[in-house]
């Protein structure tokens, strides 16, 4: 991976500037670099799945240019994979995958199946959540819509929340707000990275 993907998150840099820097850096990847990185991310995620052995996983289908590529939600050995469906209020409903995919808003692809409700995420032992960057204390930087902030608030205390990233997107510090729900780990082309935080109590 290119060193250019290292994202500066110096104190005083706001979320908008960091988002712009990450997206700009991601666009510098060549198709081959991206393909190789996405394959390595999926391999790292497979090691997490093998370790956790979840019955239910809430994942997502990455948009073009997002870490992991279109095969990210293909998780062998998992009993049930759920993907998000964006509601009109920007909260997340969930539906089972695999299923025929429909084009949703904002370039999202969503499974065409029965909606399971916003609380379905509470049944998952592993949540794979999108992000632009994660800090070493577990702060996740999303795209700013707030959908995952709401969804992650419903996650079971014992569940593991993992964010796929490209190398350089795990940073020392990110701006945080009271509603931010810390994550537990990242998967990158370099492997699995755990983060440390005190934002919630875990069990199990």
Protein backbone atom coordinates (compact mmCIF):
# COMPACT_ATOMS: atom_id res chain seq x y z
CA UNK A 1 0.00 0.00 0.00
CA UNK A 2 1.08 3.56 -0.63
CA UNK A 3 2.47 5.63 2.22
CA UNK A 4 0.23 8.43 0.89
CA UNK A 5 -2.70 6.70 2.54
CA UNK A 6 -1.45 7.70 5.98
CA UNK A 7 -4.05 10.20 7.15
CA UNK A 8 -3.16 13.17 9.31
CA UNK A 9 -5.54 13.63 12.22
CA UNK A 10 -3.68 16.37 14.04
CA UNK A 11 -5.46 18.25 16.81
CA UNK A 12 -7.66 20.99 15.37
CA UNK A 13 -8.34 19.20 12.11
CA UNK A 14 -12.09 18.84 11.71
CA UNK A 15 -14.02 15.82 10.50
CA UNK A 16 -14.77 17.32 7.10
CA UNK A 17 -11.08 17.89 6.36
CA UNK A 18 -10.16 14.37 7.47
CA UNK A 19 -12.95 12.84 5.36
CA UNK A 20 -11.70 14.76 2.33
CA UNK A 21 -8.12 13.62 2.94
CA UNK A 22 -9.10 9.96 3.27
CA UNK A 23 -11.28 9.96 0.16
CA UNK A 24 -8.56 11.74 -1.82
CA UNK A 25 -5.96 9.21 -0.68
CA UNK A 26 -8.20 6.27 -1.59
CA UNK A 27 -8.57 7.63 -5.12
CA UNK A 28 -4.79 7.41 -5.62
CA UNK A 29 -4.86 3.60 -5.53
CA UNK A 30 -4.41 1.85 -8.83
CA UNK A 31 -6.91 -0.89 -9.73
CA UNK A 32 -4.30 -3.56 -8.95
CA UNK A 33 -3.34 -1.99 -5.62
CA UNK A 34 -6.99 -1.77 -4.67
CA UNK A 35 -7.71 -5.36 -5.71
CA UNK A 36 -4.72 -6.67 -3.74
CA UNK A 37 -5.62 -4.59 -0.68
CA UNK A 38 -9.27 -5.65 -0.78
CA UNK A 39 -8.31 -9.34 -0.96
CA UNK A 40 -6.00 -8.92 2.04
CA UNK A 41 -8.74 -7.14 4.00
CA UNK A 42 -11.18 -9.99 3.33
CA UNK A 43 -8.55 -12.49 4.46
CA UNK A 44 -8.03 -10.55 7.69
CA UNK A 45 -11.78 -10.43 8.24
CA UNK A 46 -11.99 -14.19 7.70
CA UNK A 47 -9.56 -14.67 10.60
CA UNK A 48 -11.85 -12.59 12.83
CA UNK A 49 -14.88 -14.64 11.76
CA UNK A 50 -12.99 -17.87 12.49
CA UNK A 51 -12.06 -16.58 15.93
CA UNK A 52 -15.49 -15.23 16.92
CA UNK A 53 -17.56 -17.96 15.21
CA UNK A 54 -20.65 -15.77 15.06
CA UNK A 55 -24.09 -17.13 14.31
CA UNK A 56 -25.22 -13.74 12.96
CA UNK A 57 -23.10 -11.03 11.35
CA UNK A 58 -24.28 -7.56 10.39
CA UNK A 59 -22.08 -6.46 7.50
CA UNK A 60 -22.49 -4.18 4.48
CA UNK A 61 -21.81 -4.09 0.76
CA UNK A 62 -19.01 -1.56 0.14
CA UNK A 63 -19.53 1.14 -2.42
CA UNK A 64 -16.99 1.54 -5.22
CA UNK A 65 -13.64 2.47 -3.72
CA UNK A 66 -14.45 1.33 -0.18
CA UNK A 67 -12.16 -1.17 1.58
CA UNK A 68 -12.91 -4.86 1.05
CA UNK A 69 -14.67 -4.60 -2.30
CA UNK A 70 -17.94 -6.14 -3.41
CA UNK A 71 -17.13 -9.58 -1.96
CA UNK A 72 -16.78 -8.30 1.60
CA UNK A 73 -20.10 -9.74 2.87
CA UNK A 74 -19.30 -13.23 1.56
CA UNK A 75 -18.52 -14.83 4.91
CA UNK A 76 -18.30 -18.64 4.73
CA UNK A 77 -19.30 -20.51 7.86
CA UNK A 78 -21.61 -17.79 9.18
CA UNK A 79 -25.17 -18.90 9.84
CA UNK A 80 -26.76 -15.59 8.88
CA UNK A 81 -25.46 -12.41 7.29
CA UNK A 82 -27.57 -9.25 7.47
CA UNK A 83 -27.02 -6.15 5.35
CA UNK A 84 -28.38 -2.66 6.02
CA UNK A 85 -31.34 -1.06 4.29
CA UNK A 86 -31.44 2.73 4.58
CA UNK A 87 -34.75 4.03 5.93
CA UNK A 88 -36.26 7.41 4.97
CA UNK A 89 -35.15 8.80 8.35
CA UNK A 90 -31.57 7.59 7.62
CA UNK A 91 -31.74 4.93 10.31
CA UNK A 92 -30.81 1.37 9.30
CA UNK A 93 -33.17 -1.54 8.84
CA UNK A 94 -31.71 -4.98 8.06
CA UNK A 95 -32.36 -7.80 5.57
CA UNK A 96 -30.77 -11.22 4.98
CA UNK A 97 -27.94 -11.77 2.48
CA UNK A 98 -27.48 -13.32 -0.04
CA UNK A 99 -30.52 -11.97 -1.84
CA UNK A 100 -31.18 -10.05 -5.04
CA UNK A 101 -29.75 -6.54 -4.67
CA UNK A 102 -31.61 -3.32 -5.35
CA UNK A 103 -30.16 0.12 -5.95
CA UNK A 104 -30.82 2.33 -2.96
CA UNK A 105 -30.15 5.97 -2.22
CA UNK A 106 -26.65 7.46 -2.17
CA UNK A 107 -25.26 4.68 -4.39
CA UNK A 108 -26.01 1.92 -1.89
CA UNK A 109 -26.93 -1.64 -2.86
CA UNK A 110 -29.52 -3.22 -0.60
CA UNK A 111 -30.88 -6.77 -0.30
CA UNK A 112 -34.41 -7.28 -1.60
CA UNK A 113 -35.90 -9.32 1.21
CA UNK A 114 -38.10 -9.04 4.30
CA UNK A 115 -37.12 -6.16 6.55
CA UNK A 116 -36.13 -7.37 10.00
CA UNK A 117 -36.32 -4.07 11.87
CA UNK A 118 -33.78 -1.66 13.29
CA UNK A 119 -33.20 -3.85 16.35
CA UNK A 120 -31.98 -6.85 14.31
CA UNK A 121 -28.41 -5.63 14.80
CA UNK A 122 -28.74 -6.49 18.51
CA UNK A 123 -28.80 -10.19 17.55
CA UNK A 124 -25.38 -10.09 15.87
CA UNK A 125 -22.23 -11.33 17.57
CA UNK A 126 -20.06 -9.58 14.97
CA UNK A 127 -20.71 -6.25 13.29
CA UNK A 128 -18.66 -5.18 10.28
CA UNK A 129 -19.15 -1.42 10.01
CA UNK A 130 -17.93 1.00 7.35
CA UNK A 131 -15.61 3.86 8.18
CA UNK A 132 -13.14 6.31 6.72
CA UNK A 133 -10.73 6.12 9.65
CA UNK A 134 -10.51 4.77 13.19
CA UNK A 135 -8.39 6.08 16.05
CA UNK A 136 -6.35 3.88 18.35
CA UNK A 137 -8.89 4.54 21.11
CA UNK A 138 -11.75 3.25 18.96
CA UNK A 139 -13.33 6.42 17.54
CA UNK A 140 -14.82 5.69 14.10
CA UNK A 141 -15.08 8.40 11.47
CA UNK A 142 -18.02 7.80 9.15
CA UNK A 143 -19.34 9.79 6.20
CA UNK A 144 -21.41 12.07 8.39
CA UNK A 145 -24.95 10.81 7.88
CA UNK A 146 -25.32 9.41 11.40
CA UNK A 147 -26.90 6.12 10.29
CA UNK A 148 -24.29 3.91 11.93
CA UNK A 149 -24.11 6.09 15.03
CA UNK A 150 -27.73 5.14 15.66
CA UNK A 151 -27.35 1.51 14.62
CA UNK A 152 -24.25 0.88 16.73
CA UNK A 153 -26.05 2.18 19.81
CA UNK A 154 -28.22 -0.98 19.59
CA UNK A 155 -25.32 -3.46 19.46
CA UNK A 156 -25.16 -6.09 22.20
CA UNK A 157 -22.46 -5.37 24.82
CA UNK A 158 -20.74 -8.69 24.06
CA UNK A 159 -20.62 -8.15 20.28
CA UNK A 160 -17.42 -7.28 18.41
CA UNK A 161 -17.47 -4.26 16.09
CA UNK A 162 -14.86 -4.29 13.33
CA UNK A 163 -14.12 -1.68 10.65
CA UNK A 164 -12.37 -2.52 7.34
CA UNK A 165 -9.76 0.12 6.43
CA UNK A 166 -6.88 0.61 4.07
CA UNK A 167 -3.40 0.90 5.55
CA UNK A 168 -2.78 4.31 7.05
CA UNK A 169 -6.39 4.87 8.10
CA UNK A 170 -5.87 3.68 11.70
CA UNK A 171 -4.70 6.93 13.29
CA UNK A 172 -3.65 8.21 16.69
CA UNK A 173 -6.55 10.58 17.22
CA UNK A 174 -9.88 11.62 15.72
CA UNK A 175 -12.43 14.25 16.75
CA UNK A 176 -15.02 12.59 18.98
CA UNK A 177 -18.55 13.51 20.04
CA UNK A 178 -20.64 12.17 22.94
CA UNK A 179 -22.81 10.03 20.64
CA UNK A 180 -19.83 8.26 19.03
CA UNK A 181 -19.88 4.56 19.83
CA UNK A 182 -16.32 3.16 20.00
CA UNK A 183 -15.37 0.17 17.88
CA UNK A 184 -13.22 -2.78 18.89
CA UNK A 185 -10.93 -3.59 15.97
CA UNK A 186 -9.97 -2.84 12.39
CA UNK A 187 -9.06 -5.13 9.53
CA UNK A 188 -6.54 -3.77 7.04
CA UNK A 189 -4.28 -5.24 4.35
CA UNK A 190 -1.69 -5.59 7.12
CA UNK A 191 -3.98 -7.73 9.29
CA UNK A 192 -6.20 -7.34 12.34
CA UNK A 193 -5.64 -4.37 14.62
CA UNK A 194 -7.26 -4.14 18.05
CA UNK A 195 -8.04 -0.78 19.59
CA UNK A 196 -8.34 0.14 23.25
CA UNK A 197 -11.17 2.16 24.70
CA UNK A 198 -13.17 2.67 27.85
CA UNK A 199 -16.36 3.84 26.16
CA UNK A 200 -18.41 0.83 27.19
CA UNK A 201 -18.22 -2.30 29.28
CA UNK A 202 -17.83 -5.58 27.45
CA UNK A 203 -18.77 -9.06 28.55
CA UNK A 204 -17.86 -12.44 27.15
